[in-house]
Amino acid sequence: MAKKGLKQKHIPYRTCVGCREVQPKRSLIRIVRTANGIEIDPTGKKPGRGAYLHDQKSCWEVGLKGNLARALKTEITAEEHERLMEFAKNLPE
């Protein structure tokens, strides 16, 4: 009996908390809530509750107004907010 072909690999999708657009997980940047606070997770493998944002300044600005904190189920401190905004400054419009 012949095989029907290769099985297509599953691609996980996530929603950007800034613009609410659904994209493949690898095209988004993960922000994670850990015991040490909120961190940017470039590998996407750190333990903790995560949320995703596009690599665009506009999504980060909207996300940091409240959607990101709501998705992570925590309060974002002023220091964490400043650190995330500093990262967003280097992103394209």
N, C-alpha and C. Protein backbone atom coordinates (compact mmCIF):
# COMPACT_ATOMS: atom_id res chain seq x y z
N MET A 1 0.82 -1.18 0.00
CA MET A 1 0.00 0.00 0.00
C MET A 1 0.87 1.26 0.00
N ALA A 2 0.53 2.22 -0.80
CA ALA A 2 1.32 3.44 -0.91
C ALA A 2 0.91 4.43 0.18
N LYS A 3 1.89 5.20 0.64
CA LYS A 3 1.59 6.23 1.64
C LYS A 3 0.89 7.40 0.94
N LYS A 4 0.03 8.06 1.67
CA LYS A 4 -0.75 9.16 1.09
C LYS A 4 0.02 10.47 1.03
N GLY A 5 1.22 10.54 1.54
CA GLY A 5 2.00 11.77 1.54
C GLY A 5 2.44 12.13 2.94
N LEU A 6 3.24 13.13 3.01
CA LEU A 6 3.75 13.56 4.31
C LEU A 6 2.69 14.34 5.07
N LYS A 7 2.65 14.10 6.35
CA LYS A 7 1.73 14.82 7.21
C LYS A 7 2.27 16.23 7.44
N GLN A 8 1.43 17.22 7.30
CA GLN A 8 1.83 18.60 7.49
C GLN A 8 2.07 18.88 8.97
N LYS A 9 3.18 19.56 9.26
CA LYS A 9 3.52 19.87 10.64
C LYS A 9 2.55 20.90 11.22
N HIS A 10 2.16 20.68 12.47
CA HIS A 10 1.25 21.61 13.16
C HIS A 10 1.97 22.92 13.44
N ILE A 11 1.32 24.03 13.11
CA ILE A 11 1.87 25.36 13.38
C ILE A 11 1.00 26.02 14.44
N PRO A 12 1.56 26.30 15.64
CA PRO A 12 0.76 26.96 16.67
C PRO A 12 0.53 28.44 16.35
N TYR A 13 -0.66 28.93 16.61
CA TYR A 13 -1.01 30.32 16.38
C TYR A 13 -1.27 31.00 17.72
N ARG A 14 -0.94 32.30 17.80
CA ARG A 14 -1.19 33.09 18.99
C ARG A 14 -1.76 34.44 18.57
N THR A 15 -2.41 35.12 19.51
CA THR A 15 -3.02 36.42 19.25
C THR A 15 -2.16 37.52 19.84
N CYS A 16 -1.88 38.54 19.05
CA CYS A 16 -1.16 39.72 19.53
C CYS A 16 -2.09 40.49 20.46
N VAL A 17 -1.64 40.81 21.68
CA VAL A 17 -2.51 41.52 22.62
C VAL A 17 -2.63 43.00 22.27
N GLY A 18 -1.82 43.47 21.33
CA GLY A 18 -1.91 44.86 20.89
C GLY A 18 -2.98 45.07 19.84
N CYS A 19 -2.88 44.33 18.72
CA CYS A 19 -3.81 44.53 17.60
C CYS A 19 -4.84 43.42 17.47
N ARG A 20 -4.74 42.36 18.29
CA ARG A 20 -5.68 41.24 18.30
C ARG A 20 -5.62 40.41 17.02
N GLU A 21 -4.54 40.51 16.25
CA GLU A 21 -4.38 39.73 15.03
C GLU A 21 -3.76 38.37 15.37
N VAL A 22 -4.26 37.32 14.75
CA VAL A 22 -3.76 35.97 14.99
C VAL A 22 -2.66 35.66 13.97
N GLN A 23 -1.51 35.25 14.48
CA GLN A 23 -0.34 34.97 13.64
C GLN A 23 0.33 33.70 14.12
N PRO A 24 1.20 33.09 13.28
CA PRO A 24 2.00 31.97 13.79
C PRO A 24 2.85 32.43 14.98
N LYS A 25 2.97 31.55 15.97
CA LYS A 25 3.66 31.86 17.21
C LYS A 25 5.06 32.41 16.99
N ARG A 26 5.79 31.86 16.03
CA ARG A 26 7.18 32.27 15.80
C ARG A 26 7.33 33.69 15.26
N SER A 27 6.26 34.27 14.72
CA SER A 27 6.35 35.63 14.18
C SER A 27 6.06 36.70 15.23
N LEU A 28 5.76 36.27 16.47
CA LEU A 28 5.45 37.20 17.55
C LEU A 28 6.52 37.14 18.63
N ILE A 29 6.57 38.19 19.46
CA ILE A 29 7.51 38.25 20.57
C ILE A 29 6.75 37.90 21.85
N ARG A 30 7.29 36.97 22.62
CA ARG A 30 6.61 36.53 23.85
C ARG A 30 7.09 37.36 25.04
N ILE A 31 6.14 37.79 25.84
CA ILE A 31 6.41 38.46 27.11
C ILE A 31 5.92 37.48 28.17
N VAL A 32 6.74 37.24 29.19
CA VAL A 32 6.39 36.23 30.18
C VAL A 32 6.41 36.80 31.60
N ARG A 33 5.45 36.36 32.42
CA ARG A 33 5.42 36.72 33.83
C ARG A 33 6.11 35.60 34.60
N THR A 34 7.21 35.95 35.25
CA THR A 34 7.96 34.97 36.04
C THR A 34 7.94 35.39 37.50
N ALA A 35 8.59 34.61 38.34
CA ALA A 35 8.70 34.97 39.76
C ALA A 35 9.53 36.24 39.93
N ASN A 36 10.40 36.53 38.97
CA ASN A 36 11.26 37.73 39.03
C ASN A 36 10.61 38.96 38.41
N GLY A 37 9.42 38.82 37.88
CA GLY A 37 8.75 39.95 37.23
C GLY A 37 8.46 39.64 35.77
N ILE A 38 8.25 40.68 34.99
CA ILE A 38 7.91 40.52 33.58
C ILE A 38 9.19 40.63 32.75
N GLU A 39 9.35 39.67 31.84
CA GLU A 39 10.56 39.62 31.00
C GLU A 39 10.17 39.37 29.56
N ILE A 40 11.05 39.78 28.65
CA ILE A 40 10.91 39.45 27.24
C ILE A 40 11.54 38.08 27.05
N ASP A 41 10.83 37.20 26.36
CA ASP A 41 11.28 35.82 26.18
C ASP A 41 11.55 35.56 24.70
N PRO A 42 12.77 35.82 24.22
CA PRO A 42 13.07 35.62 22.80
C PRO A 42 12.99 34.16 22.35
N THR A 43 13.23 33.22 23.26
CA THR A 43 13.20 31.80 22.89
C THR A 43 11.78 31.25 22.89
N GLY A 44 10.88 31.86 23.66
CA GLY A 44 9.51 31.38 23.76
C GLY A 44 9.38 30.15 24.62
N LYS A 45 10.40 29.84 25.42
CA LYS A 45 10.40 28.61 26.20
C LYS A 45 10.50 28.81 27.71
N LYS A 46 10.59 30.06 28.16
CA LYS A 46 10.68 30.29 29.61
C LYS A 46 9.38 29.88 30.29
N PRO A 47 9.48 29.34 31.50
CA PRO A 47 8.26 28.98 32.22
C PRO A 47 7.55 30.23 32.73
N GLY A 48 6.24 30.16 32.78
CA GLY A 48 5.46 31.27 33.28
C GLY A 48 4.34 31.61 32.31
N ARG A 49 3.45 32.47 32.76
CA ARG A 49 2.33 32.89 31.93
C ARG A 49 2.83 33.84 30.87
N GLY A 50 2.46 33.62 29.62
CA GLY A 50 2.96 34.43 28.52
C GLY A 50 1.87 35.15 27.76
N ALA A 51 2.30 36.20 27.06
CA ALA A 51 1.44 36.94 26.14
C ALA A 51 2.32 37.32 24.95
N TYR A 52 1.69 37.62 23.83
CA TYR A 52 2.44 37.84 22.61
C TYR A 52 2.14 39.20 22.00
N LEU A 53 3.19 39.80 21.40
CA LEU A 53 3.07 41.08 20.70
C LEU A 53 3.84 41.00 19.39
N HIS A 54 3.36 41.73 18.38
CA HIS A 54 4.10 41.85 17.12
C HIS A 54 5.38 42.64 17.36
N ASP A 55 6.27 42.60 16.42
CA ASP A 55 7.50 43.40 16.52
C ASP A 55 7.28 44.77 15.88
N GLN A 56 6.19 45.44 16.28
CA GLN A 56 5.87 46.78 15.81
C GLN A 56 5.59 47.68 17.00
N LYS A 57 6.08 48.91 16.90
CA LYS A 57 5.91 49.87 17.99
C LYS A 57 4.44 50.09 18.34
N SER A 58 3.58 50.15 17.33
CA SER A 58 2.17 50.44 17.56
C SER A 58 1.52 49.35 18.43
N CYS A 59 1.85 48.09 18.19
CA CYS A 59 1.28 46.99 19.00
C CYS A 59 1.78 47.08 20.44
N TRP A 60 3.05 47.44 20.63
CA TRP A 60 3.61 47.53 21.99
C TRP A 60 2.97 48.68 22.75
N GLU A 61 2.73 49.82 22.06
CA GLU A 61 2.11 50.97 22.72
C GLU A 61 0.70 50.63 23.19
N VAL A 62 -0.07 49.96 22.35
CA VAL A 62 -1.43 49.58 22.72
C VAL A 62 -1.39 48.51 23.82
N GLY A 63 -0.51 47.54 23.68
CA GLY A 63 -0.41 46.46 24.66
C GLY A 63 -0.02 46.96 26.04
N LEU A 64 0.88 47.93 26.09
CA LEU A 64 1.35 48.43 27.38
C LEU A 64 0.35 49.36 28.06
N LYS A 65 -0.71 49.74 27.35
CA LYS A 65 -1.75 50.57 27.97
C LYS A 65 -2.66 49.77 28.89
N GLY A 66 -2.57 48.44 28.85
CA GLY A 66 -3.40 47.66 29.75
C GLY A 66 -3.66 46.24 29.28
N ASN A 67 -3.66 46.02 27.97
CA ASN A 67 -3.95 44.68 27.45
C ASN A 67 -2.91 43.66 27.88
N LEU A 68 -1.65 44.06 27.92
CA LEU A 68 -0.58 43.13 28.30
C LEU A 68 -0.72 42.72 29.77
N ALA A 69 -0.95 43.69 30.63
CA ALA A 69 -1.11 43.39 32.06
C ALA A 69 -2.31 42.48 32.28
N ARG A 70 -3.39 42.71 31.55
CA ARG A 70 -4.58 41.88 31.68
C ARG A 70 -4.30 40.46 31.20
N ALA A 71 -3.58 40.32 30.09
CA ALA A 71 -3.26 38.99 29.56
C ALA A 71 -2.33 38.22 30.49
N LEU A 72 -1.42 38.93 31.15
CA LEU A 72 -0.49 38.28 32.08
C LEU A 72 -1.08 38.12 33.48
N LYS A 73 -2.26 38.71 33.70
CA LYS A 73 -2.95 38.67 34.99
C LYS A 73 -2.06 39.19 36.12
N THR A 74 -1.49 40.37 35.89
CA THR A 74 -0.62 41.00 36.88
C THR A 74 -0.57 42.50 36.63
N GLU A 75 0.03 43.22 37.57
CA GLU A 75 0.28 44.64 37.41
C GLU A 75 1.70 44.81 36.87
N ILE A 76 1.88 45.73 35.95
CA ILE A 76 3.21 46.01 35.42
C ILE A 76 3.77 47.19 36.22
N THR A 77 4.93 46.98 36.85
CA THR A 77 5.54 48.05 37.63
C THR A 77 6.09 49.13 36.70
N ALA A 78 6.38 50.30 37.25
CA ALA A 78 6.93 51.40 36.46
C ALA A 78 8.28 51.00 35.85
N GLU A 79 9.09 50.28 36.61
CA GLU A 79 10.40 49.84 36.12
C GLU A 79 10.25 48.86 34.94
N GLU A 80 9.32 47.91 35.08
CA GLU A 80 9.08 46.95 34.00
C GLU A 80 8.51 47.65 32.77
N HIS A 81 7.61 48.59 32.99
CA HIS A 81 7.02 49.36 31.89
C HIS A 81 8.10 50.12 31.13
N GLU A 82 9.00 50.75 31.86
CA GLU A 82 10.10 51.51 31.26
C GLU A 82 11.01 50.58 30.45
N ARG A 83 11.31 49.41 31.00
CA ARG A 83 12.17 48.45 30.31
C ARG A 83 11.52 47.95 29.01
N LEU A 84 10.22 47.69 29.06
CA LEU A 84 9.50 47.23 27.87
C LEU A 84 9.41 48.34 26.82
N MET A 85 9.19 49.58 27.27
CA MET A 85 9.14 50.71 26.33
C MET A 85 10.51 50.94 25.68
N GLU A 86 11.57 50.74 26.44
CA GLU A 86 12.93 50.88 25.90
C GLU A 86 13.15 49.84 24.78
N PHE A 87 12.67 48.62 24.99
CA PHE A 87 12.78 47.59 23.97
C PHE A 87 11.97 47.98 22.74
N ALA A 88 10.77 48.53 22.96
CA ALA A 88 9.87 48.89 21.86
C ALA A 88 10.42 50.04 21.01
N LYS A 89 11.26 50.90 21.60
CA LYS A 89 11.83 52.02 20.85
C LYS A 89 12.67 51.55 19.67
N ASN A 90 13.24 50.36 19.77
CA ASN A 90 14.08 49.84 18.69
C ASN A 90 13.30 49.07 17.62
N LEU A 91 11.99 48.99 17.79
CA LEU A 91 11.17 48.25 16.84
C LEU A 91 10.70 49.17 15.71
N PRO A 92 10.39 48.60 14.54
CA PRO A 92 9.88 49.41 13.43
C PRO A 92 8.46 49.89 13.70
N GLU A 93 8.06 50.94 12.99
CA GLU A 93 6.69 51.47 13.12
C GLU A 93 5.77 50.42 12.60
